[in-house]
Amino acid sequence: MPIVEDDVKKAMEKWLKGKGYLAVRISIGTRQGYDVEGVHPITNRRLVIECKGEAQIGNQHHRSWGNVATAILTSINETEEPIKSNDVGIAFPDTKEYRERMKLLQNFCKRQCISVYWVSENSTVTLW
């Protein structure tokens, strides 16, 4: 069964709340704005997360390319503000396709301070 975008969002919401984040909110569906956001309980910095998911049907291999590109570009835009006011993350299904797409971007994400979250089929979240 595919891990669709709304599954990723819900898993991230639960994970952030479990870590004590405040004012956690998600945008279900295809609304404008951040997919998931919350305020860190100690630093009071807002974390914004761009989420991507698998397709219900069709070619997951093809979809993963576009999703990774879109998530990276959205995150770069957020990290390149004149005064960076938010912490930035991206969340993907923890699948072979997404891991393959991201493996060459791990060091880039670290340099850009973009946190990468992996959501498994059972909604477990791991931080890269």
Protein backbone atom coordinates (compact mmCIF):
# COMPACT_ATOMS: atom_id res chain seq x y z
CA MET A 1 0.00 0.00 0.00
CA PRO A 2 1.49 3.36 -0.93
CA ILE A 3 2.47 5.98 1.64
CA VAL A 4 0.54 8.94 0.27
CA GLU A 5 1.26 12.58 1.11
CA ASP A 6 -1.51 12.93 3.68
CA ASP A 7 -0.12 9.84 5.48
CA VAL A 8 3.27 11.56 5.63
CA LYS A 9 1.68 14.75 6.98
CA LYS A 10 -0.27 12.91 9.69
CA ALA A 11 2.81 10.95 10.76
CA MET A 12 4.83 14.16 11.00
CA GLU A 13 2.08 15.82 13.04
CA LYS A 14 2.07 12.94 15.51
CA TRP A 15 5.89 12.86 15.66
CA LEU A 16 6.17 16.61 16.34
CA LYS A 17 3.52 16.46 19.07
CA GLY A 18 5.36 13.51 20.59
CA LYS A 19 8.53 15.63 20.69
CA GLY A 20 6.66 18.38 22.52
CA TYR A 21 6.30 20.82 19.64
CA LEU A 22 3.67 23.50 20.18
CA ALA A 23 1.03 24.91 17.82
CA VAL A 24 1.44 21.94 15.46
CA ARG A 25 -0.74 22.17 12.38
CA ILE A 26 -1.01 20.29 9.10
CA SER A 27 -2.61 21.10 5.79
CA ILE A 28 -4.44 18.06 4.47
CA GLY A 29 -4.90 17.89 0.72
CA THR A 30 -3.42 20.32 -1.77
CA ARG A 31 -3.71 23.62 0.08
CA GLN A 32 -1.20 26.46 -0.26
CA GLY A 33 1.35 27.00 2.48
CA TYR A 34 3.43 24.74 4.65
CA ASP A 35 2.38 21.11 4.86
CA VAL A 36 3.32 20.73 8.52
CA GLU A 37 4.58 23.24 11.03
CA GLY A 38 5.17 23.53 14.73
CA VAL A 39 7.06 25.55 17.32
CA HIS A 40 9.99 23.97 19.16
CA PRO A 41 9.20 23.88 22.91
CA ILE A 42 12.63 25.16 23.99
CA THR A 43 13.98 27.36 21.20
CA ASN A 44 10.57 28.74 20.14
CA ARG A 45 11.72 28.46 16.51
CA ARG A 46 9.11 27.46 13.98
CA LEU A 47 9.79 24.29 11.99
CA VAL A 48 8.19 24.15 8.56
CA ILE A 49 8.11 20.85 6.68
CA GLU A 50 7.41 20.16 3.01
CA CYS A 51 5.89 16.67 2.68
CA LYS A 52 5.75 14.38 -0.34
CA GLY A 53 4.14 11.00 -0.83
CA GLU A 54 3.68 8.13 -3.18
CA ALA A 55 0.98 8.00 -5.82
CA GLN A 56 -2.13 5.90 -5.18
CA ILE A 57 -1.45 4.19 -8.51
CA GLY A 58 1.11 4.49 -11.24
CA ASN A 59 4.86 4.74 -11.51
CA GLN A 60 6.42 5.46 -8.10
CA HIS A 61 9.88 5.65 -9.66
CA HIS A 62 8.84 8.50 -11.98
CA ARG A 63 6.83 10.35 -9.31
CA SER A 64 9.69 10.31 -6.81
CA TRP A 65 11.94 12.37 -9.13
CA GLY A 66 9.50 15.28 -9.37
CA ASN A 67 8.61 15.13 -5.68
CA VAL A 68 12.22 15.29 -4.54
CA ALA A 69 12.95 18.19 -6.91
CA THR A 70 9.92 20.15 -5.73
CA ALA A 71 10.67 19.54 -2.04
CA ILE A 72 14.31 20.59 -2.43
CA LEU A 73 13.40 23.77 -4.32
CA THR A 74 10.72 24.70 -1.79
CA SER A 75 13.16 24.14 1.07
CA ILE A 76 15.98 26.10 -0.56
CA ASN A 77 13.63 29.02 -1.02
CA GLU A 78 12.86 28.94 2.71
CA THR A 79 16.54 28.70 3.73
CA GLU A 80 17.55 31.59 1.48
CA GLU A 81 15.42 34.26 3.13
CA PRO A 82 17.32 37.45 3.98
CA ILE A 83 16.87 36.58 7.65
CA LYS A 84 16.16 32.90 8.13
CA SER A 85 13.30 32.82 10.61
CA ASN A 86 12.23 29.19 10.31
CA ASP A 87 13.87 25.81 10.65
CA VAL A 88 13.22 23.79 7.50
CA GLY A 89 12.51 20.14 6.86
CA ILE A 90 11.29 17.79 4.16
CA ALA A 91 9.49 14.49 4.74
CA PHE A 92 9.31 11.55 2.35
CA PRO A 93 8.00 8.00 2.36
CA ASP A 94 10.75 5.66 3.54
CA THR A 95 10.96 3.70 0.30
CA LYS A 96 13.72 2.52 -2.01
CA GLU A 97 12.74 5.06 -4.67
CA TYR A 98 12.93 8.07 -2.35
CA ARG A 99 16.10 6.84 -0.63
CA GLU A 100 17.76 6.45 -4.05
CA ARG A 101 16.75 9.96 -5.11
CA MET A 102 18.00 11.52 -1.89
CA LYS A 103 21.24 9.63 -1.32
CA LEU A 104 23.34 12.12 -3.29
CA LEU A 105 21.64 15.06 -1.57
CA GLN A 106 22.38 14.12 2.04
CA ASN A 107 25.46 16.35 2.40
CA PHE A 108 23.72 19.19 0.56
CA CYS A 109 20.77 19.04 2.97
CA LYS A 110 23.13 19.09 5.94
CA ARG A 111 24.98 22.15 4.57
CA GLN A 112 21.69 23.95 3.92
CA CYS A 113 20.34 22.97 7.37
CA ILE A 114 17.40 21.11 5.83
CA SER A 115 16.23 18.28 8.07
CA VAL A 116 15.10 15.16 6.24
CA TYR A 117 12.42 12.93 7.76
CA TRP A 118 11.53 9.43 6.60
CA VAL A 119 8.02 8.05 7.19
CA SER A 120 7.59 4.26 7.12
CA GLU A 121 4.49 2.25 6.23
CA ASN A 122 3.59 2.02 9.92
CA SER A 123 3.95 5.83 10.31
CA THR A 124 7.25 5.63 12.20
CA VAL A 125 9.34 8.76 11.62
CA THR A 126 13.13 8.75 11.53
CA LEU A 127 15.39 11.75 11.10
CA TRP A 128 18.25 11.43 8.63
